Amino acid sequence: MKPYVKVALFVVLIIAVSGILYALILYNKKHPDTSKVKPDFIITAAALQKEFEDAEAAASAKYIKKILEVSGSVSSVTQADSNNVNISLKSGNDLSSVICTFATADPSKFKAGDEITIRGECSGFLMDVLLNNCAIVQKRK
């Protein structure tokens, strides 16, 4: 083999191994514990939903990928795929709500009507405001 072919193959091999290692690091990256993170915004579920309904583009720029502390009344608790639990907070609109996804939570601890405060990362708006990687900050009956 010619020397420049050997060098080219070696460079391609190094790039491929680096790409695989980087992908593995990203795949295994842990989410931050939102219960210990200072929220960027503190807001009620109704106010958050209204902001997205009134001006979705502005609200998206303001809230997406930010840590929000949202308080409201539980409208439903559902067991999602595997261990995930979704808690929906009433927003004052019968057609939409604020949906908070927990990686691990006991759905039997919550029932409709509970007043709670949840901290999570806003990921967008699709008729409902979506919060991921959530943690309970406070629960009141």
N, C-alpha and C. Protein backbone atom coordinates (compact mmCIF):
# COMPACT_ATOMS: atom_id res chain seq x y z
N MET A 1 0.83 -1.19 0.00
CA MET A 1 0.00 0.00 0.00
C MET A 1 0.87 1.24 0.00
N LYS A 2 0.35 2.27 -0.63
CA LYS A 2 1.09 3.52 -0.71
C LYS A 2 0.94 4.27 0.61
N PRO A 3 1.95 5.04 0.95
CA PRO A 3 1.94 5.72 2.26
C PRO A 3 0.76 6.68 2.44
N TYR A 4 0.32 7.39 1.40
CA TYR A 4 -0.77 8.35 1.58
C TYR A 4 -2.10 7.62 1.82
N VAL A 5 -2.25 6.41 1.30
CA VAL A 5 -3.46 5.62 1.53
C VAL A 5 -3.49 5.17 2.99
N LYS A 6 -2.33 4.77 3.51
CA LYS A 6 -2.24 4.36 4.92
C LYS A 6 -2.59 5.52 5.84
N VAL A 7 -2.10 6.70 5.53
CA VAL A 7 -2.38 7.89 6.35
C VAL A 7 -3.87 8.23 6.28
N ALA A 8 -4.45 8.15 5.08
CA ALA A 8 -5.87 8.46 4.92
C ALA A 8 -6.73 7.46 5.70
N LEU A 9 -6.41 6.17 5.63
CA LEU A 9 -7.16 5.17 6.38
C LEU A 9 -7.02 5.38 7.88
N PHE A 10 -5.84 5.74 8.33
CA PHE A 10 -5.61 6.00 9.75
C PHE A 10 -6.44 7.20 10.22
N VAL A 11 -6.51 8.26 9.42
CA VAL A 11 -7.30 9.45 9.78
C VAL A 11 -8.78 9.10 9.83
N VAL A 12 -9.28 8.33 8.86
CA VAL A 12 -10.68 7.92 8.85
C VAL A 12 -10.99 7.05 10.07
N LEU A 13 -10.09 6.16 10.42
CA LEU A 13 -10.27 5.30 11.60
C LEU A 13 -10.34 6.14 12.88
N ILE A 14 -9.47 7.11 13.03
CA ILE A 14 -9.46 7.98 14.20
C ILE A 14 -10.77 8.77 14.29
N ILE A 15 -11.24 9.30 13.16
CA ILE A 15 -12.50 10.07 13.14
C ILE A 15 -13.67 9.17 13.51
N ALA A 16 -13.71 7.95 13.00
CA ALA A 16 -14.80 7.03 13.29
C ALA A 16 -14.83 6.64 14.77
N VAL A 17 -13.68 6.32 15.33
CA VAL A 17 -13.61 5.96 16.75
C VAL A 17 -14.00 7.16 17.62
N SER A 18 -13.56 8.34 17.26
CA SER A 18 -13.92 9.54 18.03
C SER A 18 -15.43 9.79 17.98
N GLY A 19 -16.04 9.61 16.82
CA GLY A 19 -17.48 9.79 16.68
C GLY A 19 -18.26 8.79 17.51
N ILE A 20 -17.81 7.54 17.53
CA ILE A 20 -18.48 6.51 18.33
C ILE A 20 -18.36 6.82 19.82
N LEU A 21 -17.19 7.23 20.27
CA LEU A 21 -17.00 7.57 21.68
C LEU A 21 -17.86 8.77 22.08
N TYR A 22 -17.95 9.78 21.22
CA TYR A 22 -18.76 10.96 21.51
C TYR A 22 -20.25 10.59 21.60
N ALA A 23 -20.70 9.73 20.68
CA ALA A 23 -22.10 9.28 20.69
C ALA A 23 -22.40 8.51 21.97
N LEU A 24 -21.49 7.66 22.42
CA LEU A 24 -21.69 6.92 23.66
C LEU A 24 -21.76 7.85 24.87
N ILE A 25 -20.93 8.86 24.89
CA ILE A 25 -20.95 9.82 26.00
C ILE A 25 -22.29 10.56 26.04
N LEU A 26 -22.77 11.01 24.88
CA LEU A 26 -24.06 11.70 24.84
C LEU A 26 -25.21 10.78 25.21
N TYR A 27 -25.17 9.54 24.76
CA TYR A 27 -26.23 8.58 25.05
C TYR A 27 -26.34 8.29 26.55
N ASN A 28 -25.22 8.23 27.22
CA ASN A 28 -25.20 7.89 28.65
C ASN A 28 -25.22 9.11 29.57
N LYS A 29 -25.35 10.28 29.01
CA LYS A 29 -25.35 11.51 29.80
C LYS A 29 -26.58 11.56 30.70
N LYS A 30 -26.38 11.88 31.97
CA LYS A 30 -27.48 11.96 32.93
C LYS A 30 -28.13 13.33 32.87
N HIS A 31 -29.45 13.36 33.09
CA HIS A 31 -30.17 14.62 33.16
C HIS A 31 -29.89 15.27 34.50
N PRO A 32 -29.88 16.59 34.56
CA PRO A 32 -29.67 17.25 35.85
C PRO A 32 -30.86 17.00 36.77
N ASP A 33 -30.61 16.93 38.06
CA ASP A 33 -31.67 16.75 39.05
C ASP A 33 -32.39 18.08 39.22
N THR A 34 -33.58 18.20 38.63
CA THR A 34 -34.28 19.48 38.64
C THR A 34 -34.76 19.89 40.03
N SER A 35 -34.79 18.95 40.97
CA SER A 35 -35.22 19.32 42.32
C SER A 35 -34.16 20.18 43.01
N LYS A 36 -32.93 20.15 42.51
CA LYS A 36 -31.84 20.90 43.13
C LYS A 36 -31.39 22.10 42.29
N VAL A 37 -32.02 22.29 41.14
CA VAL A 37 -31.64 23.37 40.23
C VAL A 37 -32.52 24.58 40.49
N LYS A 38 -31.92 25.77 40.46
CA LYS A 38 -32.70 27.00 40.63
C LYS A 38 -33.53 27.24 39.37
N PRO A 39 -34.84 27.47 39.53
CA PRO A 39 -35.68 27.67 38.34
C PRO A 39 -35.40 29.01 37.67
N ASP A 40 -35.55 29.03 36.35
CA ASP A 40 -35.41 30.27 35.60
C ASP A 40 -36.67 31.12 35.72
N PHE A 41 -37.84 30.44 35.83
CA PHE A 41 -39.12 31.14 35.95
C PHE A 41 -39.99 30.41 36.96
N ILE A 42 -40.77 31.16 37.74
CA ILE A 42 -41.78 30.61 38.63
C ILE A 42 -43.12 31.14 38.15
N ILE A 43 -44.07 30.21 37.84
CA ILE A 43 -45.31 30.61 37.18
C ILE A 43 -46.40 29.60 37.51
N THR A 44 -47.65 30.00 37.37
CA THR A 44 -48.76 29.06 37.54
C THR A 44 -49.03 28.36 36.22
N ALA A 45 -49.68 27.20 36.30
CA ALA A 45 -49.99 26.44 35.09
C ALA A 45 -50.91 27.23 34.16
N ALA A 46 -51.89 27.92 34.74
CA ALA A 46 -52.84 28.68 33.92
C ALA A 46 -52.13 29.83 33.18
N ALA A 47 -51.25 30.53 33.87
CA ALA A 47 -50.54 31.64 33.24
C ALA A 47 -49.59 31.15 32.15
N LEU A 48 -48.93 30.02 32.39
CA LEU A 48 -48.01 29.45 31.39
C LEU A 48 -48.78 29.04 30.13
N GLN A 49 -49.89 28.35 30.31
CA GLN A 49 -50.71 27.92 29.18
C GLN A 49 -51.21 29.13 28.40
N LYS A 50 -51.65 30.17 29.10
CA LYS A 50 -52.19 31.37 28.45
C LYS A 50 -51.10 32.07 27.62
N GLU A 51 -49.88 32.14 28.17
CA GLU A 51 -48.79 32.76 27.41
C GLU A 51 -48.53 32.04 26.10
N PHE A 52 -48.54 30.69 26.13
CA PHE A 52 -48.31 29.93 24.90
C PHE A 52 -49.47 30.09 23.93
N GLU A 53 -50.70 30.15 24.44
CA GLU A 53 -51.85 30.31 23.54
C GLU A 53 -51.88 31.70 22.91
N ASP A 54 -51.51 32.73 23.67
CA ASP A 54 -51.56 34.10 23.17
C ASP A 54 -50.44 34.41 22.18
N ALA A 55 -49.24 33.99 22.49
CA ALA A 55 -48.08 34.29 21.63
C ALA A 55 -47.10 33.13 21.70
N GLU A 56 -47.37 32.11 20.89
CA GLU A 56 -46.57 30.89 20.97
C GLU A 56 -45.09 31.12 20.65
N ALA A 57 -44.79 31.91 19.65
CA ALA A 57 -43.40 32.14 19.26
C ALA A 57 -42.63 32.84 20.38
N ALA A 58 -43.22 33.86 20.96
CA ALA A 58 -42.54 34.59 22.05
C ALA A 58 -42.38 33.71 23.28
N ALA A 59 -43.42 32.94 23.61
CA ALA A 59 -43.35 32.06 24.77
C ALA A 59 -42.33 30.94 24.55
N SER A 60 -42.26 30.43 23.34
CA SER A 60 -41.27 29.39 23.03
C SER A 60 -39.85 29.92 23.22
N ALA A 61 -39.60 31.10 22.70
CA ALA A 61 -38.27 31.71 22.84
C ALA A 61 -37.94 31.96 24.31
N LYS A 62 -38.95 32.28 25.09
CA LYS A 62 -38.74 32.62 26.50
C LYS A 62 -38.56 31.38 27.38
N TYR A 63 -39.33 30.30 27.14
CA TYR A 63 -39.39 29.18 28.08
C TYR A 63 -38.71 27.89 27.64
N ILE A 64 -38.63 27.60 26.35
CA ILE A 64 -38.10 26.30 25.93
C ILE A 64 -36.63 26.16 26.35
N LYS A 65 -36.33 24.98 26.88
CA LYS A 65 -35.01 24.62 27.42
C LYS A 65 -34.66 25.40 28.68
N LYS A 66 -35.66 25.94 29.35
CA LYS A 66 -35.47 26.62 30.63
C LYS A 66 -36.11 25.78 31.73
N ILE A 67 -35.62 25.94 32.96
CA ILE A 67 -36.19 25.24 34.10
C ILE A 67 -37.33 26.11 34.66
N LEU A 68 -38.53 25.52 34.71
CA LEU A 68 -39.71 26.23 35.19
C LEU A 68 -40.20 25.59 36.48
N GLU A 69 -40.68 26.43 37.38
CA GLU A 69 -41.34 25.95 38.58
C GLU A 69 -42.82 26.32 38.42
N VAL A 70 -43.66 25.30 38.22
CA VAL A 70 -45.06 25.50 37.87
C VAL A 70 -45.93 24.97 39.00
N SER A 71 -46.89 25.79 39.42
CA SER A 71 -47.82 25.35 40.45
C SER A 71 -49.22 25.29 39.88
N GLY A 72 -50.00 24.34 40.37
CA GLY A 72 -51.36 24.19 39.90
C GLY A 72 -52.04 22.99 40.52
N SER A 73 -53.23 22.74 40.04
CA SER A 73 -54.06 21.65 40.54
C SER A 73 -53.96 20.46 39.59
N VAL A 74 -53.81 19.26 40.14
CA VAL A 74 -53.68 18.05 39.33
C VAL A 74 -55.03 17.73 38.69
N SER A 75 -55.01 17.54 37.37
CA SER A 75 -56.24 17.12 36.69
C SER A 75 -56.24 15.62 36.43
N SER A 76 -55.06 15.03 36.16
CA SER A 76 -54.98 13.58 35.97
C SER A 76 -53.55 13.09 36.18
N VAL A 77 -53.46 11.80 36.52
CA VAL A 77 -52.16 11.14 36.67
C VAL A 77 -52.23 9.86 35.85
N THR A 78 -51.27 9.69 34.92
CA THR A 78 -51.25 8.51 34.07
C THR A 78 -49.88 7.86 34.06
N GLN A 79 -49.88 6.53 33.99
CA GLN A 79 -48.64 5.77 33.86
C GLN A 79 -48.31 5.71 32.37
N ALA A 80 -47.21 6.29 31.98
CA ALA A 80 -46.80 6.28 30.56
C ALA A 80 -45.95 5.04 30.31
N ASP A 81 -45.17 5.05 29.26
CA ASP A 81 -44.33 3.90 28.94
C ASP A 81 -43.35 3.59 30.06
N SER A 82 -43.07 2.33 30.27
CA SER A 82 -42.17 1.79 31.30
C SER A 82 -42.41 2.44 32.65
N ASN A 83 -41.47 3.22 33.17
CA ASN A 83 -41.59 3.80 34.50
C ASN A 83 -42.08 5.24 34.49
N ASN A 84 -42.23 5.84 33.34
CA ASN A 84 -42.61 7.25 33.27
C ASN A 84 -44.03 7.48 33.76
N VAL A 85 -44.19 8.60 34.49
CA VAL A 85 -45.49 9.01 34.98
C VAL A 85 -45.76 10.42 34.47
N ASN A 86 -46.96 10.66 33.95
CA ASN A 86 -47.36 11.98 33.49
C ASN A 86 -48.40 12.55 34.43
N ILE A 87 -48.15 13.76 34.91
CA ILE A 87 -49.13 14.48 35.73
C ILE A 87 -49.58 15.69 34.93
N SER A 88 -50.88 15.80 34.75
CA SER A 88 -51.45 16.95 34.03
C SER A 88 -51.96 17.96 35.03
N LEU A 89 -51.57 19.22 34.83
CA LEU A 89 -52.03 20.31 35.69
C LEU A 89 -53.12 21.09 34.96
N LYS A 90 -54.17 21.45 35.68
CA LYS A 90 -55.26 22.23 35.10
C LYS A 90 -54.74 23.60 34.69
N SER A 91 -55.22 24.04 33.51
CA SER A 91 -54.75 25.31 32.99
C SER A 91 -55.87 26.32 32.80
N GLY A 92 -57.09 25.95 33.16
CA GLY A 92 -58.21 26.85 32.93
C GLY A 92 -58.82 26.66 31.55
N ASN A 93 -58.21 25.84 30.71
CA ASN A 93 -58.70 25.52 29.38
C ASN A 93 -59.03 24.03 29.36
N ASP A 94 -60.26 23.68 29.02
CA ASP A 94 -60.66 22.27 29.04
C ASP A 94 -59.96 21.43 27.99
N LEU A 95 -59.45 22.04 26.93
CA LEU A 95 -58.83 21.30 25.84
C LEU A 95 -57.33 21.08 26.02
N SER A 96 -56.71 21.82 26.92
CA SER A 96 -55.26 21.68 27.08
C SER A 96 -54.87 21.82 28.54
N SER A 97 -53.63 21.41 28.82
CA SER A 97 -53.12 21.46 30.18
C SER A 97 -51.60 21.56 30.13
N VAL A 98 -50.99 21.51 31.31
CA VAL A 98 -49.53 21.45 31.41
C VAL A 98 -49.21 20.01 31.79
N ILE A 99 -48.50 19.29 30.92
CA ILE A 99 -48.17 17.89 31.17
C ILE A 99 -46.73 17.80 31.66
N CYS A 100 -46.57 17.20 32.85
CA CYS A 100 -45.26 17.06 33.48
C CYS A 100 -44.87 15.59 33.49
N THR A 101 -43.72 15.27 32.93
CA THR A 101 -43.25 13.89 32.82
C THR A 101 -42.16 13.62 33.86
N PHE A 102 -42.36 12.55 34.62
CA PHE A 102 -41.40 12.12 35.64
C PHE A 102 -40.78 10.81 35.21
N ALA A 103 -39.47 10.69 35.35
CA ALA A 103 -38.78 9.45 34.99
C ALA A 103 -39.17 8.34 35.96
N THR A 104 -39.21 8.64 37.23
CA THR A 104 -39.63 7.67 38.23
C THR A 104 -40.48 8.40 39.25
N ALA A 105 -41.68 7.92 39.42
CA ALA A 105 -42.58 8.48 40.42
C ALA A 105 -43.66 7.45 40.70
N ASP A 106 -44.24 7.52 41.88
CA ASP A 106 -45.31 6.62 42.26
C ASP A 106 -46.64 7.31 41.98
N PRO A 107 -47.37 6.85 40.96
CA PRO A 107 -48.62 7.53 40.60
C PRO A 107 -49.68 7.48 41.70
N SER A 108 -49.58 6.54 42.62
CA SER A 108 -50.58 6.43 43.68
C SER A 108 -50.46 7.56 44.71
N LYS A 109 -49.35 8.29 44.70
CA LYS A 109 -49.16 9.40 45.64
C LYS A 109 -49.97 10.63 45.28
N PHE A 110 -50.43 10.70 44.03
CA PHE A 110 -51.11 11.89 43.54
C PHE A 110 -52.53 11.54 43.11
N LYS A 111 -53.44 12.49 43.29
CA LYS A 111 -54.81 12.30 42.81
C LYS A 111 -55.33 13.63 42.30
N ALA A 112 -56.37 13.55 41.51
CA ALA A 112 -56.97 14.76 40.95
C ALA A 112 -57.39 15.69 42.08
N GLY A 113 -57.08 16.96 41.91
CA GLY A 113 -57.43 17.97 42.90
C GLY A 113 -56.29 18.38 43.81
N ASP A 114 -55.22 17.59 43.89
CA ASP A 114 -54.06 17.96 44.70
C ASP A 114 -53.44 19.24 44.16
N GLU A 115 -53.05 20.13 45.05
CA GLU A 115 -52.32 21.34 44.67
C GLU A 115 -50.83 21.03 44.82
N ILE A 116 -50.09 21.15 43.72
CA ILE A 116 -48.66 20.82 43.77
C ILE A 116 -47.84 21.87 43.03
N THR A 117 -46.56 21.87 43.34
CA THR A 117 -45.58 22.69 42.62
C THR A 117 -44.55 21.74 42.04
N ILE A 118 -44.32 21.87 40.73
CA ILE A 118 -43.43 20.97 40.00
C ILE A 118 -42.35 21.79 39.31
N ARG A 119 -41.15 21.26 39.32
CA ARG A 119 -40.04 21.90 38.62
C ARG A 119 -39.59 20.98 37.50
N GLY A 120 -39.47 21.53 36.28
CA GLY A 120 -39.05 20.72 35.15
C GLY A 120 -38.56 21.58 34.00
N GLU A 121 -38.07 20.92 32.96
CA GLU A 121 -37.54 21.63 31.79
C GLU A 121 -38.62 21.70 30.72
N CYS A 122 -38.92 22.90 30.27
CA CYS A 122 -39.95 23.10 29.25
C CYS A 122 -39.42 22.62 27.90
N SER A 123 -40.23 21.80 27.22
CA SER A 123 -39.79 21.30 25.92
C SER A 123 -40.70 21.71 24.78
N GLY A 124 -41.74 22.49 25.06
CA GLY A 124 -42.53 22.98 23.95
C GLY A 124 -44.02 23.00 24.20
N PHE A 125 -44.75 23.24 23.11
CA PHE A 125 -46.19 23.40 23.17
C PHE A 125 -46.83 22.71 21.98
N LEU A 126 -47.69 21.73 22.26
CA LEU A 126 -48.47 21.03 21.24
C LEU A 126 -49.88 20.88 21.81
N MET A 127 -50.66 21.91 21.82
CA MET A 127 -51.95 21.99 22.51
C MET A 127 -51.76 21.94 24.03
N ASP A 128 -50.76 21.26 24.52
CA ASP A 128 -50.41 21.21 25.93
C ASP A 128 -48.98 21.73 26.07
N VAL A 129 -48.69 22.34 27.20
CA VAL A 129 -47.31 22.72 27.49
C VAL A 129 -46.63 21.48 28.07
N LEU A 130 -45.45 21.15 27.59
CA LEU A 130 -44.76 19.93 28.00
C LEU A 130 -43.55 20.26 28.87
N LEU A 131 -43.50 19.63 30.05
CA LEU A 131 -42.34 19.73 30.93
C LEU A 131 -41.74 18.34 31.10
N ASN A 132 -40.45 18.22 30.92
CA ASN A 132 -39.76 16.94 31.06
C ASN A 132 -38.80 16.97 32.23
N ASN A 133 -38.39 15.77 32.67
CA ASN A 133 -37.41 15.63 33.75
C ASN A 133 -37.89 16.37 35.00
N CYS A 134 -39.12 16.13 35.38
CA CYS A 134 -39.75 16.89 36.46
C CYS A 134 -39.45 16.33 37.84
N ALA A 135 -39.63 17.18 38.83
CA ALA A 135 -39.49 16.82 40.23
C ALA A 135 -40.54 17.58 41.02
N ILE A 136 -41.09 16.94 42.05
CA ILE A 136 -42.07 17.58 42.91
C ILE A 136 -41.32 18.50 43.89
N VAL A 137 -41.73 19.74 43.94
CA VAL A 137 -41.13 20.70 44.87
C VAL A 137 -41.98 20.78 46.13
N GLN A 138 -43.31 20.79 45.94
CA GLN A 138 -44.21 20.92 47.09
C GLN A 138 -45.55 20.33 46.73
N LYS A 139 -46.17 19.64 47.72
CA LYS A 139 -47.49 19.09 47.54
C LYS A 139 -48.37 19.55 48.69
N ARG A 140 -49.53 20.13 48.33
CA ARG A 140 -50.50 20.55 49.34
C ARG A 140 -51.81 19.88 49.02
N LYS A 141 -52.59 19.56 50.02
CA LYS A 141 -53.90 18.94 49.80
C LYS A 141 -54.95 19.98 49.68
